[in-house]
Amino acid sequence: MSQAPQTPLNDLMAEVAALIVEALNLDVTPEDIQPDDPLYGEGLGLDSIDMLEISLVISKQYGFQLKSDNENNVKIFASLRSLSEHIASQRTK
């Protein structure tokens, strides 16, 4: 039995940062997004509409749903690192 190869977290964070920049048409490079800086509000300055866009892109790319009513969303979307860790634990592709 073989599982799909897991992307090391740093590679996944770079991939997710690129997805965020592309999906939201941000005026920053993926490398500008620091792993532990807040995504929402302060830090990257994203709002709830941006988070919805990110959720849709992640759902398509990694094969699982990010639900708006998930009680852990504040933690999941806290930073690039926490979002990437959540993707790593949930992804189906």
PDB file of N, CA and C in Angstrom:
ATOM      1  N   MET A   1       0.822  -1.189   0.000  1.00  0.00           N
ATOM      2  CA  MET A   1       0.000   0.000   0.000  1.00  0.00           C
ATOM      3  C   MET A   1       0.863   1.249   0.000  1.00  0.00           C
ATOM      4  N   SER A   2       0.697   2.071  -1.016  1.00  0.00           N
ATOM      5  CA  SER A   2       1.480   3.301  -1.024  1.00  0.00           C
ATOM      6  C   SER A   2       0.541   4.498  -0.958  1.00  0.00           C
ATOM      7  N   GLN A   3       0.968   5.488  -0.198  1.00  0.00           N
ATOM      8  CA  GLN A   3       0.187   6.715  -0.077  1.00  0.00           C
ATOM      9  C   GLN A   3       0.761   7.745  -1.032  1.00  0.00           C
ATOM     10  N   ALA A   4      -0.025   8.766  -1.329  1.00  0.00           N
ATOM     11  CA  ALA A   4       0.483   9.856  -2.149  1.00  0.00           C
ATOM     12  C   ALA A   4       1.647  10.506  -1.411  1.00  0.00           C
ATOM     13  N   PRO A   5       2.700  10.867  -2.133  1.00  0.00           N
ATOM     14  CA  PRO A   5       3.847  11.482  -1.461  1.00  0.00           C
ATOM     15  C   PRO A   5       3.452  12.799  -0.813  1.00  0.00           C
ATOM     16  N   GLN A   6       3.934  13.016   0.384  1.00  0.00           N
ATOM     17  CA  GLN A   6       3.633  14.241   1.098  1.00  0.00           C
ATOM     18  C   GLN A   6       4.665  15.312   0.755  1.00  0.00           C
ATOM     19  N   THR A   7       4.184  16.485   0.440  1.00  0.00           N
ATOM     20  CA  THR A   7       5.054  17.610   0.150  1.00  0.00           C
ATOM     21  C   THR A   7       5.609  18.129   1.476  1.00  0.00           C
ATOM     22  N   PRO A   8       6.919  18.308   1.563  1.00  0.00           N
ATOM     23  CA  PRO A   8       7.452  18.906   2.789  1.00  0.00           C
ATOM     24  C   PRO A   8       6.758  20.252   3.054  1.00  0.00           C
ATOM     25  N   LEU A   9       6.575  20.575   4.322  1.00  0.00           N
ATOM     26  CA  LEU A   9       5.798  21.753   4.696  1.00  0.00           C
ATOM     27  C   LEU A   9       6.316  23.034   4.044  1.00  0.00           C
ATOM     28  N   ASN A  10       7.625  23.228   3.974  1.00  0.00           N
ATOM     29  CA  ASN A  10       8.150  24.457   3.361  1.00  0.00           C
ATOM     30  C   ASN A  10       7.760  24.565   1.898  1.00  0.00           C
ATOM     31  N   ASP A  11       7.791  23.440   1.172  1.00  0.00           N
ATOM     32  CA  ASP A  11       7.376  23.442  -0.232  1.00  0.00           C
ATOM     33  C   ASP A  11       5.889  23.745  -0.332  1.00  0.00           C
ATOM     34  N   LEU A  12       5.106  23.151   0.563  1.00  0.00           N
ATOM     35  CA  LEU A  12       3.663  23.380   0.556  1.00  0.00           C
ATOM     36  C   LEU A  12       3.353  24.845   0.879  1.00  0.00           C
ATOM     37  N   MET A  13       4.065  25.429   1.830  1.00  0.00           N
ATOM     38  CA  MET A  13       3.836  26.839   2.162  1.00  0.00           C
ATOM     39  C   MET A  13       4.126  27.734   0.957  1.00  0.00           C
ATOM     40  N   ALA A  14       5.187  27.435   0.223  1.00  0.00           N
ATOM     41  CA  ALA A  14       5.513  28.219  -0.972  1.00  0.00           C
ATOM     42  C   ALA A  14       4.412  28.074  -2.018  1.00  0.00           C
ATOM     43  N   GLU A  15       3.903  26.865  -2.162  1.00  0.00           N
ATOM     44  CA  GLU A  15       2.825  26.577  -3.112  1.00  0.00           C
ATOM     45  C   GLU A  15       1.543  27.325  -2.720  1.00  0.00           C
ATOM     46  N   VAL A  16       1.196  27.280  -1.443  1.00  0.00           N
ATOM     47  CA  VAL A  16      -0.018  27.940  -0.951  1.00  0.00           C
ATOM     48  C   VAL A  16       0.131  29.466  -1.062  1.00  0.00           C
ATOM     49  N   ALA A  17       1.295  29.989  -0.759  1.00  0.00           N
ATOM     50  CA  ALA A  17       1.535  31.433  -0.893  1.00  0.00           C
ATOM     51  C   ALA A  17       1.330  31.860  -2.348  1.00  0.00           C
ATOM     52  N   ALA A  18       1.831  31.068  -3.284  1.00  0.00           N
ATOM     53  CA  ALA A  18       1.654  31.381  -4.705  1.00  0.00           C
ATOM     54  C   ALA A  18       0.177  31.335  -5.088  1.00  0.00           C
ATOM     55  N   LEU A  19      -0.555  30.360  -4.554  1.00  0.00           N
ATOM     56  CA  LEU A  19      -1.994  30.266  -4.820  1.00  0.00           C
ATOM     57  C   LEU A  19      -2.733  31.500  -4.299  1.00  0.00           C
ATOM     58  N   ILE A  20      -2.381  31.939  -3.102  1.00  0.00           N
ATOM     59  CA  ILE A  20      -3.029  33.109  -2.498  1.00  0.00           C
ATOM     60  C   ILE A  20      -2.765  34.349  -3.344  1.00  0.00           C
ATOM     61  N   VAL A  21      -1.506  34.569  -3.717  1.00  0.00           N
ATOM     62  CA  VAL A  21      -1.142  35.745  -4.512  1.00  0.00           C
ATOM     63  C   VAL A  21      -1.875  35.730  -5.854  1.00  0.00           C
ATOM     64  N   GLU A  22      -1.897  34.559  -6.492  1.00  0.00           N
ATOM     65  CA  GLU A  22      -2.547  34.441  -7.799  1.00  0.00           C
ATOM     66  C   GLU A  22      -4.070  34.602  -7.689  1.00  0.00           C
ATOM     67  N   ALA A  23      -4.674  33.928  -6.727  1.00  0.00           N
ATOM     68  CA  ALA A  23      -6.132  33.961  -6.579  1.00  0.00           C
ATOM     69  C   ALA A  23      -6.650  35.361  -6.266  1.00  0.00           C
ATOM     70  N   LEU A  24      -5.892  36.108  -5.475  1.00  0.00           N
ATOM     71  CA  LEU A  24      -6.345  37.424  -5.024  1.00  0.00           C
ATOM     72  C   LEU A  24      -5.710  38.573  -5.789  1.00  0.00           C
ATOM     73  N   ASN A  25      -4.834  38.232  -6.748  1.00  0.00           N
ATOM     74  CA  ASN A  25      -4.171  39.275  -7.541  1.00  0.00           C
ATOM     75  C   ASN A  25      -3.458  40.290  -6.650  1.00  0.00           C
ATOM     76  N   LEU A  26      -2.728  39.788  -5.671  1.00  0.00           N
ATOM     77  CA  LEU A  26      -2.064  40.660  -4.697  1.00  0.00           C
ATOM     78  C   LEU A  26      -0.834  41.329  -5.310  1.00  0.00           C
ATOM     79  N   ASP A  27      -0.492  42.485  -4.767  1.00  0.00           N
ATOM     80  CA  ASP A  27       0.692  43.216  -5.213  1.00  0.00           C
ATOM     81  C   ASP A  27       1.918  42.842  -4.397  1.00  0.00           C
ATOM     82  N   VAL A  28       2.025  41.583  -4.043  1.00  0.00           N
ATOM     83  CA  VAL A  28       3.202  41.070  -3.337  1.00  0.00           C
ATOM     84  C   VAL A  28       3.628  39.781  -4.047  1.00  0.00           C
ATOM     85  N   THR A  29       4.842  39.353  -3.783  1.00  0.00           N
ATOM     86  CA  THR A  29       5.284  38.065  -4.314  1.00  0.00           C
ATOM     87  C   THR A  29       5.014  37.006  -3.256  1.00  0.00           C
ATOM     88  N   PRO A  30       4.895  35.748  -3.660  1.00  0.00           N
ATOM     89  CA  PRO A  30       4.690  34.692  -2.661  1.00  0.00           C
ATOM     90  C   PRO A  30       5.780  34.696  -1.582  1.00  0.00           C
ATOM     91  N   GLU A  31       6.998  35.061  -1.972  1.00  0.00           N
ATOM     92  CA  GLU A  31       8.113  35.084  -1.014  1.00  0.00           C
ATOM     93  C   GLU A  31       7.936  36.173   0.044  1.00  0.00           C
ATOM     94  N   ASP A  32       7.098  37.177  -0.249  1.00  0.00           N
ATOM     95  CA  ASP A  32       6.853  38.257   0.715  1.00  0.00           C
ATOM     96  C   ASP A  32       5.948  37.818   1.863  1.00  0.00           C
ATOM     97  N   ILE A  33       5.232  36.720   1.668  1.00  0.00           N
ATOM     98  CA  ILE A  33       4.311  36.255   2.705  1.00  0.00           C
ATOM     99  C   ILE A  33       5.099  35.417   3.709  1.00  0.00           C
ATOM    100  N   GLN A  34       5.255  35.949   4.904  1.00  0.00           N
ATOM    101  CA  GLN A  34       6.015  35.258   5.940  1.00  0.00           C
ATOM    102  C   GLN A  34       5.159  34.156   6.571  1.00  0.00           C
ATOM    103  N   PRO A  35       5.769  33.000   6.885  1.00  0.00           N
ATOM    104  CA  PRO A  35       5.002  31.845   7.380  1.00  0.00           C
ATOM    105  C   PRO A  35       4.126  32.126   8.593  1.00  0.00           C
ATOM    106  N   ASP A  36       4.575  33.000   9.497  1.00  0.00           N
ATOM    107  CA  ASP A  36       3.833  33.198  10.737  1.00  0.00           C
ATOM    108  C   ASP A  36       3.128  34.551  10.835  1.00  0.00           C
ATOM    109  N   ASP A  37       3.171  35.352   9.772  1.00  0.00           N
ATOM    110  CA  ASP A  37       2.437  36.620   9.763  1.00  0.00           C
ATOM    111  C   ASP A  37       0.946  36.337   9.615  1.00  0.00           C
ATOM    112  N   PRO A  38       0.107  37.142  10.244  1.00  0.00           N
ATOM    113  CA  PRO A  38      -1.340  36.937  10.100  1.00  0.00           C
ATOM    114  C   PRO A  38      -1.783  37.141   8.648  1.00  0.00           C
ATOM    115  N   LEU A  39      -2.700  36.310   8.192  1.00  0.00           N
ATOM    116  CA  LEU A  39      -3.268  36.486   6.857  1.00  0.00           C
ATOM    117  C   LEU A  39      -4.416  37.482   6.904  1.00  0.00           C
ATOM    118  N   TYR A  40      -5.215  37.396   7.962  1.00  0.00           N
ATOM    119  CA  TYR A  40      -6.460  38.158   8.085  1.00  0.00           C
ATOM    120  C   TYR A  40      -6.204  39.449   8.838  1.00  0.00           C
ATOM    121  N   GLY A  41      -6.791  40.543   8.378  1.00  0.00           N
ATOM    122  CA  GLY A  41      -6.635  41.816   9.089  1.00  0.00           C
ATOM    123  C   GLY A  41      -5.209  42.310   9.016  1.00  0.00           C
ATOM    124  N   GLU A  42      -4.562  42.479  10.154  1.00  0.00           N
ATOM    125  CA  GLU A  42      -3.158  42.897  10.202  1.00  0.00           C
ATOM    126  C   GLU A  42      -2.318  41.892   9.428  1.00  0.00           C
ATOM    127  N   GLY A  43      -1.094  42.239   9.116  1.00  0.00           N
ATOM    128  CA  GLY A  43      -0.266  41.312   8.345  1.00  0.00           C
ATOM    129  C   GLY A  43      -0.558  41.474   6.867  1.00  0.00           C
ATOM    130  N   LEU A  44      -1.088  40.441   6.236  1.00  0.00           N
ATOM    131  CA  LEU A  44      -1.378  40.482   4.803  1.00  0.00           C
ATOM    132  C   LEU A  44      -2.593  41.356   4.501  1.00  0.00           C
ATOM    133  N   GLY A  45      -3.445  41.584   5.503  1.00  0.00           N
ATOM    134  CA  GLY A  45      -4.558  42.512   5.346  1.00  0.00           C
ATOM    135  C   GLY A  45      -5.752  41.964   4.589  1.00  0.00           C
ATOM    136  N   LEU A  46      -5.941  40.657   4.608  1.00  0.00           N
ATOM    137  CA  LEU A  46      -7.057  40.059   3.890  1.00  0.00           C
ATOM    138  C   LEU A  46      -8.358  40.213   4.665  1.00  0.00           C
ATOM    139  N   ASP A  47      -9.479  40.192   3.949  1.00  0.00           N
ATOM    140  CA  ASP A  47     -10.786  40.276   4.604  1.00  0.00           C
ATOM    141  C   ASP A  47     -11.562  38.976   4.384  1.00  0.00           C
ATOM    142  N   SER A  48     -12.798  38.950   4.842  1.00  0.00           N
ATOM    143  CA  SER A  48     -13.574  37.709   4.785  1.00  0.00           C
ATOM    144  C   SER A  48     -13.858  37.268   3.348  1.00  0.00           C
ATOM    145  N   ILE A  49     -14.009  38.199   2.429  1.00  0.00           N
ATOM    146  CA  ILE A  49     -14.220  37.844   1.019  1.00  0.00           C
ATOM    147  C   ILE A  49     -12.958  37.182   0.473  1.00  0.00           C
ATOM    148  N   ASP A  50     -11.797  37.720   0.833  1.00  0.00           N
ATOM    149  CA  ASP A  50     -10.529  37.110   0.415  1.00  0.00           C
ATOM    150  C   ASP A  50     -10.418  35.679   0.942  1.00  0.00           C
ATOM    151  N   MET A  51     -10.822  35.483   2.195  1.00  0.00           N
ATOM    152  CA  MET A  51     -10.750  34.148   2.791  1.00  0.00           C
ATOM    153  C   MET A  51     -11.651  33.167   2.041  1.00  0.00           C
ATOM    154  N   LEU A  52     -12.799  33.639   1.610  1.00  0.00           N
ATOM    155  CA  LEU A  52     -13.703  32.805   0.827  1.00  0.00           C
ATOM    156  C   LEU A  52     -13.053  32.407  -0.491  1.00  0.00           C
ATOM    157  N   GLU A  53     -12.423  33.358  -1.151  1.00  0.00           N
ATOM    158  CA  GLU A  53     -11.713  33.077  -2.408  1.00  0.00           C
ATOM    159  C   GLU A  53     -10.608  32.041  -2.189  1.00  0.00           C
ATOM    160  N   ILE A  54      -9.836  32.230  -1.128  1.00  0.00           N
ATOM    161  CA  ILE A  54      -8.758  31.288  -0.811  1.00  0.00           C
ATOM    162  C   ILE A  54      -9.340  29.894  -0.564  1.00  0.00           C
ATOM    163  N   SER A  55     -10.439  29.826   0.166  1.00  0.00           N
ATOM    164  CA  SER A  55     -11.078  28.536   0.454  1.00  0.00           C
ATOM    165  C   SER A  55     -11.476  27.812  -0.824  1.00  0.00           C
ATOM    166  N   LEU A  56     -12.019  28.544  -1.788  1.00  0.00           N
ATOM    167  CA  LEU A  56     -12.433  27.935  -3.050  1.00  0.00           C
ATOM    168  C   LEU A  56     -11.234  27.400  -3.828  1.00  0.00           C
ATOM    169  N   VAL A  57     -10.179  28.183  -3.900  1.00  0.00           N
ATOM    170  CA  VAL A  57      -8.979  27.761  -4.624  1.00  0.00           C
ATOM    171  C   VAL A  57      -8.359  26.530  -3.961  1.00  0.00           C
ATOM    172  N   ILE A  58      -8.283  26.529  -2.647  1.00  0.00           N
ATOM    173  CA  ILE A  58      -7.707  25.404  -1.912  1.00  0.00           C
ATOM    174  C   ILE A  58      -8.558  24.156  -2.107  1.00  0.00           C
ATOM    175  N   SER A  59      -9.875  24.314  -2.087  1.00  0.00           N
ATOM    176  CA  SER A  59     -10.773  23.170  -2.305  1.00  0.00           C
ATOM    177  C   SER A  59     -10.503  22.521  -3.660  1.00  0.00           C
ATOM    178  N   LYS A  60     -10.369  23.344  -4.678  1.00  0.00           N
ATOM    179  CA  LYS A  60     -10.108  22.820  -6.026  1.00  0.00           C
ATOM    180  C   LYS A  60      -8.727  22.174  -6.121  1.00  0.00           C
ATOM    181  N   GLN A  61      -7.740  22.824  -5.552  1.00  0.00           N
ATOM    182  CA  GLN A  61      -6.354  22.370  -5.683  1.00  0.00           C
ATOM    183  C   GLN A  61      -6.056  21.113  -4.864  1.00  0.00           C
ATOM    184  N   TYR A  62      -6.613  21.024  -3.664  1.00  0.00           N
ATOM    185  CA  TYR A  62      -6.220  19.949  -2.748  1.00  0.00           C
ATOM    186  C   TYR A  62      -7.315  18.941  -2.446  1.00  0.00           C
ATOM    187  N   GLY A  63      -8.506  19.132  -2.998  1.00  0.00           N
ATOM    188  CA  GLY A  63      -9.539  18.109  -2.928  1.00  0.00           C
ATOM    189  C   GLY A  63     -10.273  17.952  -1.608  1.00  0.00           C
ATOM    190  N   PHE A  64     -10.402  19.014  -0.836  1.00  0.00           N
ATOM    191  CA  PHE A  64     -11.213  18.955   0.393  1.00  0.00           C
ATOM    192  C   PHE A  64     -11.856  20.308   0.615  1.00  0.00           C
ATOM    193  N   GLN A  65     -12.954  20.311   1.348  1.00  0.00           N
ATOM    194  CA  GLN A  65     -13.715  21.538   1.579  1.00  0.00           C
ATOM    195  C   GLN A  65     -13.273  22.250   2.860  1.00  0.00           C
ATOM    196  N   LEU A  66     -13.118  23.546   2.755  1.00  0.00           N
ATOM    197  CA  LEU A  66     -12.946  24.393   3.936  1.00  0.00           C
ATOM    198  C   LEU A  66     -14.310  25.019   4.185  1.00  0.00           C
ATOM    199  N   LYS A  67     -14.924  24.677   5.290  1.00  0.00           N
ATOM    200  CA  LYS A  67     -16.289  25.124   5.580  1.00  0.00           C
ATOM    201  C   LYS A  67     -16.278  26.457   6.330  1.00  0.00           C
ATOM    202  N   SER A  68     -17.201  27.335   5.941  1.00  0.00           N
ATOM    203  CA  SER A  68     -17.258  28.656   6.573  1.00  0.00           C
ATOM    204  C   SER A  68     -17.690  28.586   8.033  1.00  0.00           C
ATOM    205  N   ASP A  69     -18.373  27.500   8.404  1.00  0.00           N
ATOM    206  CA  ASP A  69     -18.845  27.389   9.783  1.00  0.00           C
ATOM    207  C   ASP A  69     -17.923  26.543  10.675  1.00  0.00           C
ATOM    208  N   ASN A  70     -16.738  26.235  10.169  1.00  0.00           N
ATOM    209  CA  ASN A  70     -15.779  25.464  10.966  1.00  0.00           C
ATOM    210  C   ASN A  70     -15.300  26.314  12.146  1.00  0.00           C
ATOM    211  N   GLU A  71     -15.454  25.780  13.344  1.00  0.00           N
ATOM    212  CA  GLU A  71     -15.074  26.552  14.537  1.00  0.00           C
ATOM    213  C   GLU A  71     -13.573  26.798  14.625  1.00  0.00           C
ATOM    214  N   ASN A  72     -12.782  26.066  13.834  1.00  0.00           N
ATOM    215  CA  ASN A  72     -11.330  26.237  13.851  1.00  0.00           C
ATOM    216  C   ASN A  72     -10.818  27.196  12.782  1.00  0.00           C
ATOM    217  N   ASN A  73     -11.702  27.860  12.043  1.00  0.00           N
ATOM    218  CA  ASN A  73     -11.256  28.722  10.947  1.00  0.00           C
ATOM    219  C   ASN A  73     -10.293  29.818  11.391  1.00  0.00           C
ATOM    220  N   VAL A  74     -10.537  30.389  12.563  1.00  0.00           N
ATOM    221  CA  VAL A  74      -9.639  31.448  13.042  1.00  0.00           C
ATOM    222  C   VAL A  74      -8.226  30.890  13.165  1.00  0.00           C
ATOM    223  N   LYS A  75      -8.112  29.676  13.678  1.00  0.00           N
ATOM    224  CA  LYS A  75      -6.809  29.038  13.828  1.00  0.00           C
ATOM    225  C   LYS A  75      -6.244  28.604  12.468  1.00  0.00           C
ATOM    226  N   ILE A  76      -7.104  28.005  11.628  1.00  0.00           N
ATOM    227  CA  ILE A  76      -6.661  27.516  10.320  1.00  0.00           C
ATOM    228  C   ILE A  76      -6.106  28.665   9.476  1.00  0.00           C
ATOM    229  N   PHE A  77      -6.817  29.790   9.447  1.00  0.00           N
ATOM    230  CA  PHE A  77      -6.418  30.916   8.608  1.00  0.00           C
ATOM    231  C   PHE A  77      -5.543  31.937   9.345  1.00  0.00           C
ATOM    232  N   ALA A  78      -5.013  31.572  10.493  1.00  0.00           N
ATOM    233  CA  ALA A  78      -4.209  32.509  11.274  1.00  0.00           C
ATOM    234  C   ALA A  78      -2.956  32.947  10.527  1.00  0.00           C
ATOM    235  N   SER A  79      -2.318  32.019   9.816  1.00  0.00           N
ATOM    236  CA  SER A  79      -1.067  32.331   9.122  1.00  0.00           C
ATOM    237  C   SER A  79      -0.875  31.358   7.966  1.00  0.00           C
ATOM    238  N   LEU A  80       0.090  31.651   7.139  1.00  0.00           N
ATOM    239  CA  LEU A  80       0.432  30.756   6.037  1.00  0.00           C
ATOM    240  C   LEU A  80       0.823  29.382   6.579  1.00  0.00           C
ATOM    241  N   ARG A  81       1.576  29.361   7.668  1.00  0.00           N
ATOM    242  CA  ARG A  81       2.007  28.095   8.265  1.00  0.00           C
ATOM    243  C   ARG A  81       0.811  27.270   8.750  1.00  0.00           C
ATOM    244  N   SER A  82      -0.107  27.897   9.483  1.00  0.00           N
ATOM    245  CA  SER A  82      -1.247  27.134  10.010  1.00  0.00           C
ATOM    246  C   SER A  82      -2.160  26.657   8.885  1.00  0.00           C
ATOM    247  N   LEU A  83      -2.351  27.467   7.851  1.00  0.00           N
ATOM    248  CA  LEU A  83      -3.156  27.052   6.709  1.00  0.00           C
ATOM    249  C   LEU A  83      -2.491  25.884   5.985  1.00  0.00           C
ATOM    250  N   SER A  84      -1.205  25.963   5.792  1.00  0.00           N
ATOM    251  CA  SER A  84      -0.465  24.895   5.111  1.00  0.00           C
ATOM    252  C   SER A  84      -0.473  23.599   5.915  1.00  0.00           C
ATOM    253  N   GLU A  85      -0.342  23.711   7.226  1.00  0.00           N
ATOM    254  CA  GLU A  85      -0.416  22.508   8.083  1.00  0.00           C
ATOM    255  C   GLU A  85      -1.793  21.858   7.990  1.00  0.00           C
ATOM    256  N   HIS A  86      -2.836  22.679   7.941  1.00  0.00           N
ATOM    257  CA  HIS A  86      -4.193  22.143   7.813  1.00  0.00           C
ATOM    258  C   HIS A  86      -4.352  21.456   6.463  1.00  0.00           C
ATOM    259  N   ILE A  87      -3.863  22.068   5.404  1.00  0.00           N
ATOM    260  CA  ILE A  87      -3.938  21.457   4.072  1.00  0.00           C
ATOM    261  C   ILE A  87      -3.194  20.123   4.074  1.00  0.00           C
ATOM    262  N   ALA A  88      -2.008  20.095   4.655  1.00  0.00           N
ATOM    263  CA  ALA A  88      -1.213  18.860   4.697  1.00  0.00           C
ATOM    264  C   ALA A  88      -1.969  17.723   5.390  1.00  0.00           C
ATOM    265  N   SER A  89      -2.740  18.064   6.413  1.00  0.00           N
ATOM    266  CA  SER A  89      -3.460  17.031   7.169  1.00  0.00           C
ATOM    267  C   SER A  89      -4.777  16.610   6.515  1.00  0.00           C
ATOM    268  N   GLN A  90      -5.318  17.419   5.600  1.00  0.00           N
ATOM    269  CA  GLN A  90      -6.632  17.171   5.017  1.00  0.00           C
ATOM    270  C   GLN A  90      -6.635  16.820   3.542  1.00  0.00           C
ATOM    271  N   ARG A  91      -5.575  17.126   2.849  1.00  0.00           N
ATOM    272  CA  ARG A  91      -5.593  17.019   1.378  1.00  0.00           C
ATOM    273  C   ARG A  91      -5.848  15.609   0.894  1.00  0.00           C
ATOM    274  N   THR A  92      -6.538  15.529  -0.229  1.00  0.00           N
ATOM    275  CA  THR A  92      -6.804  14.243  -0.858  1.00  0.00           C
ATOM    276  C   THR A  92      -6.083  14.126  -2.190  1.00  0.00           C
ATOM    277  N   LYS A  93      -5.513  15.241  -2.650  1.00  0.00           N
ATOM    278  CA  LYS A  93      -4.707  15.207  -3.877  1.00  0.00           C
ATOM    279  C   LYS A  93      -3.571  16.179  -3.813  1.00  0.00           C
TER     280      LYS A  93
END
